Amino acid sequence: MEISLILNNELVWDKEFKSCKEYVSNLKSLAPNEVKMREMEAKFLNLVNTDKDVSKYYKIGGALCISLLTNTTFAYADTLGGVSDKLKTIVSPLIELLAGLGYPVTYGMLITGFIMVIMGKKSKGIDIIKWACIGYVGLQFVPFILNILELIGRELRNSL
């Protein structure tokens, strides 16, 4: 088979291709010298170990080859704010569950406090009731307090 490239009625490039069997047999006769291959490998590894840029590109190339061969994708480092938002989204159901437990726990503690008062341990019962109420109100303020702290942290990061 022959391929020719003609531009403005002039032959620019011409290549004749042999059959695959001939091409493969020619390649087998051109097998590389093992000693030279090992020398080239040693020089390349030395270059990877000594030059930071070559090392970085070698790692990127290796990761890209692995990604292409295994059809996987790699995660990348996001900004601190992006990571924070993703973590908030991931942990949100757990936080909602814990915040939702505040009401039943407070209810149980109030009942316990009043039972203590009924049993005659007035100071202990009132102490339990007081701290249950303070804890519940504090639990309601947690999202507000954390939003304020997050705003302060974001402003500090932006100012640096």
C-alpha atoms as a PDB file:
ATOM      1  CA  MET A   1       0.000   0.000   0.000  1.00  0.00           C
ATOM      2  CA  GLU A   2       1.249   3.492  -0.813  1.00  0.00           C
ATOM      3  CA  ILE A   3       0.146   6.861   0.559  1.00  0.00           C
ATOM      4  CA  SER A   4       1.079  10.071  -1.213  1.00  0.00           C
ATOM      5  CA  LEU A   5       0.447  13.654  -0.222  1.00  0.00           C
ATOM      6  CA  ILE A   6       0.100  16.022  -3.174  1.00  0.00           C
ATOM      7  CA  LEU A   7      -0.075  19.795  -2.735  1.00  0.00           C
ATOM      8  CA  ASN A   8      -0.494  22.167  -5.714  1.00  0.00           C
ATOM      9  CA  ASN A   9       0.098  19.303  -8.127  1.00  0.00           C
ATOM     10  CA  GLU A  10       3.454  18.503  -6.496  1.00  0.00           C
ATOM     11  CA  LEU A  11       4.351  15.356  -4.562  1.00  0.00           C
ATOM     12  CA  VAL A  12       5.098  16.480  -1.016  1.00  0.00           C
ATOM     13  CA  TRP A  13       5.234  13.153   0.811  1.00  0.00           C
ATOM     14  CA  ASP A  14       5.260   9.558  -0.344  1.00  0.00           C
ATOM     15  CA  LYS A  15       5.318   6.448   1.802  1.00  0.00           C
ATOM     16  CA  GLU A  16       5.017   2.806   0.889  1.00  0.00           C
ATOM     17  CA  PHE A  17       3.754   0.473   3.586  1.00  0.00           C
ATOM     18  CA  LYS A  18       4.664  -3.168   3.700  1.00  0.00           C
ATOM     19  CA  SER A  19       2.274  -5.858   4.803  1.00  0.00           C
ATOM     20  CA  CYS A  20       1.857  -6.392   8.538  1.00  0.00           C
ATOM     21  CA  LYS A  21       3.795  -9.668   8.515  1.00  0.00           C
ATOM     22  CA  GLU A  22       6.831  -8.040   6.936  1.00  0.00           C
ATOM     23  CA  TYR A  23       6.594  -5.060   9.278  1.00  0.00           C
ATOM     24  CA  VAL A  24       6.438  -7.282  12.409  1.00  0.00           C
ATOM     25  CA  SER A  25       9.330  -9.439  11.236  1.00  0.00           C
ATOM     26  CA  ASN A  26      11.406  -6.285  10.629  1.00  0.00           C
ATOM     27  CA  LEU A  27      10.580  -5.064  14.138  1.00  0.00           C
ATOM     28  CA  LYS A  28      11.707  -8.368  15.669  1.00  0.00           C
ATOM     29  CA  SER A  29      15.078  -7.989  14.032  1.00  0.00           C
ATOM     30  CA  LEU A  30      15.375  -4.488  15.530  1.00  0.00           C
ATOM     31  CA  ALA A  31      15.057  -5.648  19.159  1.00  0.00           C
ATOM     32  CA  PRO A  32      16.782  -3.169  21.530  1.00  0.00           C
ATOM     33  CA  ASN A  33      20.034  -3.932  23.252  1.00  0.00           C
ATOM     34  CA  GLU A  34      19.276  -4.863  26.884  1.00  0.00           C
ATOM     35  CA  VAL A  35      22.433  -3.219  28.251  1.00  0.00           C
ATOM     36  CA  LYS A  36      21.661   0.083  26.527  1.00  0.00           C
ATOM     37  CA  MET A  37      18.058  -0.072  27.734  1.00  0.00           C
ATOM     38  CA  ARG A  38      19.219  -0.545  31.346  1.00  0.00           C
ATOM     39  CA  GLU A  39      21.658   2.372  30.998  1.00  0.00           C
ATOM     40  CA  MET A  40      18.886   4.601  29.642  1.00  0.00           C
ATOM     41  CA  GLU A  41      16.593   3.529  32.493  1.00  0.00           C
ATOM     42  CA  ALA A  42      19.264   4.306  35.095  1.00  0.00           C
ATOM     43  CA  LYS A  43      19.879   7.766  33.570  1.00  0.00           C
ATOM     44  CA  PHE A  44      16.157   8.503  33.525  1.00  0.00           C
ATOM     45  CA  LEU A  45      15.633   7.394  37.144  1.00  0.00           C
ATOM     46  CA  ASN A  46      18.624   9.504  38.187  1.00  0.00           C
ATOM     47  CA  LEU A  47      17.059  12.484  36.409  1.00  0.00           C
ATOM     48  CA  VAL A  48      13.706  11.815  38.133  1.00  0.00           C
ATOM     49  CA  ASN A  49      15.434  11.708  41.522  1.00  0.00           C
ATOM     50  CA  THR A  50      17.503  14.870  41.014  1.00  0.00           C
ATOM     51  CA  ASP A  51      15.200  17.212  39.064  1.00  0.00           C
ATOM     52  CA  LYS A  52      11.996  18.259  40.861  1.00  0.00           C
ATOM     53  CA  ASP A  53      10.184  19.279  37.672  1.00  0.00           C
ATOM     54  CA  VAL A  54      10.925  15.983  35.938  1.00  0.00           C
ATOM     55  CA  SER A  55       9.829  14.115  39.050  1.00  0.00           C
ATOM     56  CA  LYS A  56       6.560  16.075  39.198  1.00  0.00           C
ATOM     57  CA  TYR A  57       5.761  15.480  35.511  1.00  0.00           C
ATOM     58  CA  TYR A  58       6.748  11.818  35.806  1.00  0.00           C
ATOM     59  CA  LYS A  59       4.269  11.368  38.676  1.00  0.00           C
ATOM     60  CA  ILE A  60       1.546  13.223  36.781  1.00  0.00           C
ATOM     61  CA  GLY A  61       2.198  11.107  33.688  1.00  0.00           C
ATOM     62  CA  GLY A  62       2.129   7.898  35.708  1.00  0.00           C
ATOM     63  CA  ALA A  63      -1.118   8.877  37.400  1.00  0.00           C
ATOM     64  CA  LEU A  64      -2.612   9.806  34.039  1.00  0.00           C
ATOM     65  CA  CYS A  65      -1.619   6.431  32.551  1.00  0.00           C
ATOM     66  CA  ILE A  66      -3.103   4.571  35.523  1.00  0.00           C
ATOM     67  CA  SER A  67      -6.257   6.663  35.248  1.00  0.00           C
ATOM     68  CA  LEU A  68      -6.613   5.936  31.546  1.00  0.00           C
ATOM     69  CA  LEU A  69      -5.864   2.230  31.897  1.00  0.00           C
ATOM     70  CA  THR A  70      -8.184   1.633  34.844  1.00  0.00           C
ATOM     71  CA  ASN A  71     -10.845   4.161  33.824  1.00  0.00           C
ATOM     72  CA  THR A  72     -10.709   5.936  37.193  1.00  0.00           C
ATOM     73  CA  THR A  73     -10.665   9.553  38.225  1.00  0.00           C
ATOM     74  CA  PHE A  74      -8.498  11.181  40.853  1.00  0.00           C
ATOM     75  CA  ALA A  75      -9.609  13.639  43.506  1.00  0.00           C
ATOM     76  CA  TYR A  76      -7.992  17.029  43.644  1.00  0.00           C
ATOM     77  CA  ALA A  77      -7.411  19.439  46.472  1.00  0.00           C
ATOM     78  CA  ASP A  78     -10.109  22.064  46.696  1.00  0.00           C
ATOM     79  CA  THR A  79      -9.979  25.392  48.477  1.00  0.00           C
ATOM     80  CA  LEU A  80     -10.494  25.344  52.217  1.00  0.00           C
ATOM     81  CA  GLY A  81     -13.939  26.891  51.816  1.00  0.00           C
ATOM     82  CA  GLY A  82     -14.902  24.267  49.221  1.00  0.00           C
ATOM     83  CA  VAL A  83     -13.771  21.427  51.463  1.00  0.00           C
ATOM     84  CA  SER A  84     -15.658  22.983  54.374  1.00  0.00           C
ATOM     85  CA  ASP A  85     -18.863  23.217  52.322  1.00  0.00           C
ATOM     86  CA  LYS A  86     -18.549  19.613  51.158  1.00  0.00           C
ATOM     87  CA  LEU A  87     -17.952  18.384  54.707  1.00  0.00           C
ATOM     88  CA  LYS A  88     -20.977  20.347  55.932  1.00  0.00           C
ATOM     89  CA  THR A  89     -23.106  18.680  53.264  1.00  0.00           C
ATOM     90  CA  ILE A  90     -21.793  15.217  54.129  1.00  0.00           C
ATOM     91  CA  VAL A  91     -22.127  15.557  57.912  1.00  0.00           C
ATOM     92  CA  SER A  92     -25.429  17.472  57.805  1.00  0.00           C
ATOM     93  CA  PRO A  93     -27.695  14.411  58.404  1.00  0.00           C
ATOM     94  CA  LEU A  94     -25.676  13.429  61.486  1.00  0.00           C
ATOM     95  CA  ILE A  95     -25.829  16.972  62.868  1.00  0.00           C
ATOM     96  CA  GLU A  96     -29.585  17.117  62.242  1.00  0.00           C
ATOM     97  CA  LEU A  97     -29.975  13.818  64.112  1.00  0.00           C
ATOM     98  CA  LEU A  98     -27.986  15.032  67.117  1.00  0.00           C
ATOM     99  CA  ALA A  99     -29.833  18.381  67.195  1.00  0.00           C
ATOM    100  CA  GLY A 100     -33.138  16.512  66.945  1.00  0.00           C
ATOM    101  CA  LEU A 101     -32.204  14.444  69.994  1.00  0.00           C
ATOM    102  CA  GLY A 102     -32.054  17.639  72.065  1.00  0.00           C
ATOM    103  CA  TYR A 103     -35.823  17.852  72.551  1.00  0.00           C
ATOM    104  CA  PRO A 104     -36.452  14.261  73.737  1.00  0.00           C
ATOM    105  CA  VAL A 105     -33.388  14.291  76.006  1.00  0.00           C
ATOM    106  CA  THR A 106     -34.474  17.620  77.529  1.00  0.00           C
ATOM    107  CA  TYR A 107     -37.998  16.257  77.969  1.00  0.00           C
ATOM    108  CA  GLY A 108     -36.633  13.213  79.775  1.00  0.00           C
ATOM    109  CA  MET A 109     -34.394  15.342  82.007  1.00  0.00           C
ATOM    110  CA  LEU A 110     -37.295  17.649  82.928  1.00  0.00           C
ATOM    111  CA  ILE A 111     -39.374  14.629  83.918  1.00  0.00           C
ATOM    112  CA  THR A 112     -36.444  13.300  85.929  1.00  0.00           C
ATOM    113  CA  GLY A 113     -36.011  16.678  87.663  1.00  0.00           C
ATOM    114  CA  PHE A 114     -39.676  16.891  88.614  1.00  0.00           C
ATOM    115  CA  ILE A 115     -39.635  13.303  89.897  1.00  0.00           C
ATOM    116  CA  MET A 116     -36.640  14.262  92.061  1.00  0.00           C
ATOM    117  CA  VAL A 117     -38.654  17.206  93.437  1.00  0.00           C
ATOM    118  CA  ILE A 118     -41.600  14.887  94.134  1.00  0.00           C
ATOM    119  CA  MET A 119     -39.278  12.461  95.935  1.00  0.00           C
ATOM    120  CA  GLY A 120     -38.105  15.250  98.252  1.00  0.00           C
ATOM    121  CA  LYS A 121     -34.709  15.990  96.699  1.00  0.00           C
ATOM    122  CA  LYS A 122     -35.741  19.511  95.790  1.00  0.00           C
ATOM    123  CA  SER A 123     -32.277  21.051  95.231  1.00  0.00           C
ATOM    124  CA  LYS A 124     -31.117  18.134  93.043  1.00  0.00           C
ATOM    125  CA  GLY A 125     -34.372  18.201  91.019  1.00  0.00           C
ATOM    126  CA  ILE A 126     -34.282  21.959  90.441  1.00  0.00           C
ATOM    127  CA  ASP A 127     -30.598  21.694  89.462  1.00  0.00           C
ATOM    128  CA  ILE A 128     -31.438  19.037  86.823  1.00  0.00           C
ATOM    129  CA  ILE A 129     -34.380  21.114  85.510  1.00  0.00           C
ATOM    130  CA  LYS A 130     -32.246  24.293  85.351  1.00  0.00           C
ATOM    131  CA  TRP A 131     -29.375  22.664  83.455  1.00  0.00           C
ATOM    132  CA  ALA A 132     -31.731  20.809  81.091  1.00  0.00           C
ATOM    133  CA  CYS A 133     -33.373  24.111  80.139  1.00  0.00           C
ATOM    134  CA  ILE A 134     -30.039  25.925  79.730  1.00  0.00           C
ATOM    135  CA  GLY A 135     -28.692  23.042  77.631  1.00  0.00           C
ATOM    136  CA  TYR A 136     -31.744  23.020  75.357  1.00  0.00           C
ATOM    137  CA  VAL A 137     -31.620  26.775  74.780  1.00  0.00           C
ATOM    138  CA  GLY A 138     -27.870  26.520  74.131  1.00  0.00           C
ATOM    139  CA  LEU A 139     -28.488  23.707  71.656  1.00  0.00           C
ATOM    140  CA  GLN A 140     -30.861  25.966  69.725  1.00  0.00           C
ATOM    141  CA  PHE A 141     -28.121  28.619  69.469  1.00  0.00           C
ATOM    142  CA  VAL A 142     -25.412  26.255  68.153  1.00  0.00           C
ATOM    143  CA  PRO A 143     -26.111  26.806  64.395  1.00  0.00           C
ATOM    144  CA  PHE A 144     -26.178  30.580  64.935  1.00  0.00           C
ATOM    145  CA  ILE A 145     -22.903  30.545  66.879  1.00  0.00           C
ATOM    146  CA  LEU A 146     -21.188  28.301  64.316  1.00  0.00           C
ATOM    147  CA  ASN A 147     -22.304  30.541  61.426  1.00  0.00           C
ATOM    148  CA  ILE A 148     -20.764  33.537  63.198  1.00  0.00           C
ATOM    149  CA  LEU A 149     -17.511  31.622  63.798  1.00  0.00           C
ATOM    150  CA  GLU A 150     -17.460  30.476  60.164  1.00  0.00           C
ATOM    151  CA  LEU A 151     -17.892  34.061  58.936  1.00  0.00           C
ATOM    152  CA  ILE A 152     -15.049  35.202  61.181  1.00  0.00           C
ATOM    153  CA  GLY A 153     -12.804  32.398  59.894  1.00  0.00           C
ATOM    154  CA  ARG A 154     -13.649  33.155  56.258  1.00  0.00           C
ATOM    155  CA  GLU A 155     -12.872  36.852  56.752  1.00  0.00           C
ATOM    156  CA  LEU A 156      -9.551  35.997  58.431  1.00  0.00           C
ATOM    157  CA  ARG A 157      -8.589  33.693  55.524  1.00  0.00           C
ATOM    158  CA  ASN A 158      -9.511  36.367  52.978  1.00  0.00           C
ATOM    159  CA  SER A 159      -7.515  39.020  54.812  1.00  0.00           C
ATOM    160  CA  LEU A 160      -4.330  36.923  54.755  1.00  0.00           C
END
